[in-house]
Amino acid sequence: MVKRLAGVVLAICFAVGVAYGGVSGYQDLTRFLVNLPGWTAGRPEGVNMEGPQGGVVTATRSYKRGNQSLTATIMVGNSAMMAWASFQMGMTVETPEVLIKTIS
C-alpha cells in the first residue's frame, strides 16, 4: 500500500522578541508564505498572542496539490522557542493516512 502524503508541517521559528524583530502582527509574516508552483494555496491566516511569558505571532498557510496537502507555519516571539521545543528534535508523526514532519 502506497502511503499518500497528507500533511507536512513546516515550522520556521525565530527566537526574537516580537517588538525586537520588527513584527507588529501576523500580517507582517504572511508575505513570506508565497505561492508554490503547482500547488493551490489557501488564504494566509495568523494569530497574535501575548501572555505572561511573552508574545508570539504565528502565520499559517495551507497548500494542496491533488491528494497532497502542505501547511507552512512561521512563528516569531519570546514564546516561540517554548512552542518549538517538541519540534526541534525532528518530530515525525506517521499513520496510514498522514505523514507529518518538521523541517528546520
C-alpha atoms as a PDB file:
ATOM      1  CA  MET A   1       0.000   0.000   0.000  1.00  0.00           C
ATOM      2  CA  VAL A   2       1.404   3.354  -1.002  1.00  0.00           C
ATOM      3  CA  LYS A   3       1.173   5.940   1.724  1.00  0.00           C
ATOM      4  CA  ARG A   4      -0.065   9.265   0.447  1.00  0.00           C
ATOM      5  CA  LEU A   5       1.394  12.439   1.810  1.00  0.00           C
ATOM      6  CA  ALA A   6      -1.493  14.066   3.634  1.00  0.00           C
ATOM      7  CA  GLY A   7       0.327  16.718   5.543  1.00  0.00           C
ATOM      8  CA  VAL A   8       3.677  18.269   6.156  1.00  0.00           C
ATOM      9  CA  VAL A   9       4.243  20.872   8.793  1.00  0.00           C
ATOM     10  CA  LEU A  10       6.941  23.353   8.046  1.00  0.00           C
ATOM     11  CA  ALA A  11       7.693  25.469  11.066  1.00  0.00           C
ATOM     12  CA  ILE A  12      10.194  28.253  10.996  1.00  0.00           C
ATOM     13  CA  CYS A  13      10.882  29.592  14.439  1.00  0.00           C
ATOM     14  CA  PHE A  14      12.777  32.779  15.217  1.00  0.00           C
ATOM     15  CA  ALA A  15      13.942  33.287  18.798  1.00  0.00           C
ATOM     16  CA  VAL A  16      13.482  37.013  18.820  1.00  0.00           C
ATOM     17  CA  GLY A  17      11.018  39.160  20.640  1.00  0.00           C
ATOM     18  CA  VAL A  18       8.076  40.410  18.659  1.00  0.00           C
ATOM     19  CA  ALA A  19       8.984  44.048  19.270  1.00  0.00           C
ATOM     20  CA  TYR A  20      12.679  43.484  18.556  1.00  0.00           C
ATOM     21  CA  GLY A  21      12.011  41.542  15.376  1.00  0.00           C
ATOM     22  CA  GLY A  22      10.096  44.426  13.838  1.00  0.00           C
ATOM     23  CA  VAL A  23       6.953  42.315  13.553  1.00  0.00           C
ATOM     24  CA  SER A  24       3.793  44.144  14.554  1.00  0.00           C
ATOM     25  CA  GLY A  25       1.413  41.291  13.717  1.00  0.00           C
ATOM     26  CA  TYR A  26       0.856  38.148  11.699  1.00  0.00           C
ATOM     27  CA  GLN A  27       0.128  40.237   8.604  1.00  0.00           C
ATOM     28  CA  ASP A  28       3.851  41.084   8.500  1.00  0.00           C
ATOM     29  CA  LEU A  29       4.706  37.369   8.272  1.00  0.00           C
ATOM     30  CA  THR A  30       2.171  36.314   5.646  1.00  0.00           C
ATOM     31  CA  ARG A  31       4.285  37.877   2.875  1.00  0.00           C
ATOM     32  CA  PHE A  32       6.787  35.029   3.397  1.00  0.00           C
ATOM     33  CA  LEU A  33       4.081  32.414   2.731  1.00  0.00           C
ATOM     34  CA  VAL A  34       4.357  32.678  -1.039  1.00  0.00           C
ATOM     35  CA  ASN A  35       2.539  30.806  -3.806  1.00  0.00           C
ATOM     36  CA  LEU A  36       4.200  27.488  -4.668  1.00  0.00           C
ATOM     37  CA  PRO A  37       4.359  26.404  -8.324  1.00  0.00           C
ATOM     38  CA  GLY A  38       1.964  23.520  -8.962  1.00  0.00           C
ATOM     39  CA  TRP A  39       0.141  23.948  -5.633  1.00  0.00           C
ATOM     40  CA  THR A  40      -3.173  25.654  -4.852  1.00  0.00           C
ATOM     41  CA  ALA A  41      -2.661  27.986  -1.895  1.00  0.00           C
ATOM     42  CA  GLY A  42      -5.252  28.793   0.736  1.00  0.00           C
ATOM     43  CA  ARG A  43      -5.657  32.204   2.315  1.00  0.00           C
ATOM     44  CA  PRO A  44      -2.882  33.035   4.821  1.00  0.00           C
ATOM     45  CA  GLU A  45      -4.099  33.153   8.420  1.00  0.00           C
ATOM     46  CA  GLY A  46      -2.493  34.121  11.676  1.00  0.00           C
ATOM     47  CA  VAL A  47      -2.676  34.842  15.369  1.00  0.00           C
ATOM     48  CA  ASN A  48      -1.129  37.499  17.606  1.00  0.00           C
ATOM     49  CA  MET A  49      -0.842  36.258  21.217  1.00  0.00           C
ATOM     50  CA  GLU A  50       0.509  37.951  24.321  1.00  0.00           C
ATOM     51  CA  GLY A  51       0.866  36.380  27.760  1.00  0.00           C
ATOM     52  CA  PRO A  52       2.907  36.418  30.968  1.00  0.00           C
ATOM     53  CA  GLN A  53       5.783  34.521  29.303  1.00  0.00           C
ATOM     54  CA  GLY A  54       5.920  36.913  26.351  1.00  0.00           C
ATOM     55  CA  GLY A  55       4.298  37.180  22.978  1.00  0.00           C
ATOM     56  CA  VAL A  56       4.173  35.043  19.883  1.00  0.00           C
ATOM     57  CA  VAL A  57       2.989  35.825  16.363  1.00  0.00           C
ATOM     58  CA  THR A  58       2.019  32.912  14.119  1.00  0.00           C
ATOM     59  CA  ALA A  59       1.231  32.959  10.391  1.00  0.00           C
ATOM     60  CA  THR A  60      -0.030  29.842   8.582  1.00  0.00           C
ATOM     61  CA  ARG A  61      -0.924  28.942   5.014  1.00  0.00           C
ATOM     62  CA  SER A  62      -2.183  25.655   3.582  1.00  0.00           C
ATOM     63  CA  TYR A  63      -1.407  24.301   0.128  1.00  0.00           C
ATOM     64  CA  LYS A  64      -2.962  21.464  -1.915  1.00  0.00           C
ATOM     65  CA  ARG A  65      -1.846  19.511  -4.966  1.00  0.00           C
ATOM     66  CA  GLY A  66      -4.062  16.582  -5.910  1.00  0.00           C
ATOM     67  CA  ASN A  67      -4.442  14.424  -2.793  1.00  0.00           C
ATOM     68  CA  GLN A  68      -1.409  16.011  -1.113  1.00  0.00           C
ATOM     69  CA  SER A  69      -1.538  18.866   1.357  1.00  0.00           C
ATOM     70  CA  LEU A  70       1.083  21.032   2.992  1.00  0.00           C
ATOM     71  CA  THR A  71       0.824  23.503   5.858  1.00  0.00           C
ATOM     72  CA  ALA A  72       3.543  26.112   6.380  1.00  0.00           C
ATOM     73  CA  THR A  73       3.775  27.933   9.718  1.00  0.00           C
ATOM     74  CA  ILE A  74       6.041  30.794  10.782  1.00  0.00           C
ATOM     75  CA  MET A  75       6.359  31.622  14.499  1.00  0.00           C
ATOM     76  CA  VAL A  76       8.070  34.701  15.928  1.00  0.00           C
ATOM     77  CA  GLY A  77       8.313  35.930  19.503  1.00  0.00           C
ATOM     78  CA  ASN A  78       9.528  35.213  23.009  1.00  0.00           C
ATOM     79  CA  SER A  79       7.217  32.225  23.435  1.00  0.00           C
ATOM     80  CA  ALA A  80       8.127  30.738  20.056  1.00  0.00           C
ATOM     81  CA  MET A  81      11.077  28.777  21.453  1.00  0.00           C
ATOM     82  CA  MET A  82       8.866  27.067  24.044  1.00  0.00           C
ATOM     83  CA  ALA A  83       6.304  26.203  21.390  1.00  0.00           C
ATOM     84  CA  TRP A  84       9.069  24.963  19.082  1.00  0.00           C
ATOM     85  CA  ALA A  85      10.825  22.727  21.669  1.00  0.00           C
ATOM     86  CA  SER A  86       8.980  19.498  20.805  1.00  0.00           C
ATOM     87  CA  PHE A  87       9.598  20.037  17.092  1.00  0.00           C
ATOM     88  CA  GLN A  88      13.319  20.847  17.423  1.00  0.00           C
ATOM     89  CA  MET A  89      14.325  17.218  17.619  1.00  0.00           C
ATOM     90  CA  GLY A  90      12.895  16.331  14.222  1.00  0.00           C
ATOM     91  CA  MET A  91       9.487  15.100  15.350  1.00  0.00           C
ATOM     92  CA  THR A  92       7.657  12.840  12.896  1.00  0.00           C
ATOM     93  CA  VAL A  93       4.052  11.603  13.135  1.00  0.00           C
ATOM     94  CA  GLU A  94       3.042   8.835  10.741  1.00  0.00           C
ATOM     95  CA  THR A  95      -0.259   6.995  10.242  1.00  0.00           C
ATOM     96  CA  PRO A  96      -1.631   5.116   7.210  1.00  0.00           C
ATOM     97  CA  GLU A  97      -3.260   8.373   6.041  1.00  0.00           C
ATOM     98  CA  VAL A  98      -0.965  11.127   7.329  1.00  0.00           C
ATOM     99  CA  LEU A  99       2.735  11.941   7.389  1.00  0.00           C
ATOM    100  CA  ILE A 100       3.793  14.977   9.419  1.00  0.00           C
ATOM    101  CA  LYS A 101       7.445  16.025   9.569  1.00  0.00           C
ATOM    102  CA  THR A 102       9.232  19.052  10.866  1.00  0.00           C
ATOM    103  CA  ILE A 103      11.847  20.724   8.722  1.00  0.00           C
ATOM    104  CA  SER A 104      14.270  23.232  10.142  1.00  0.00           C
END
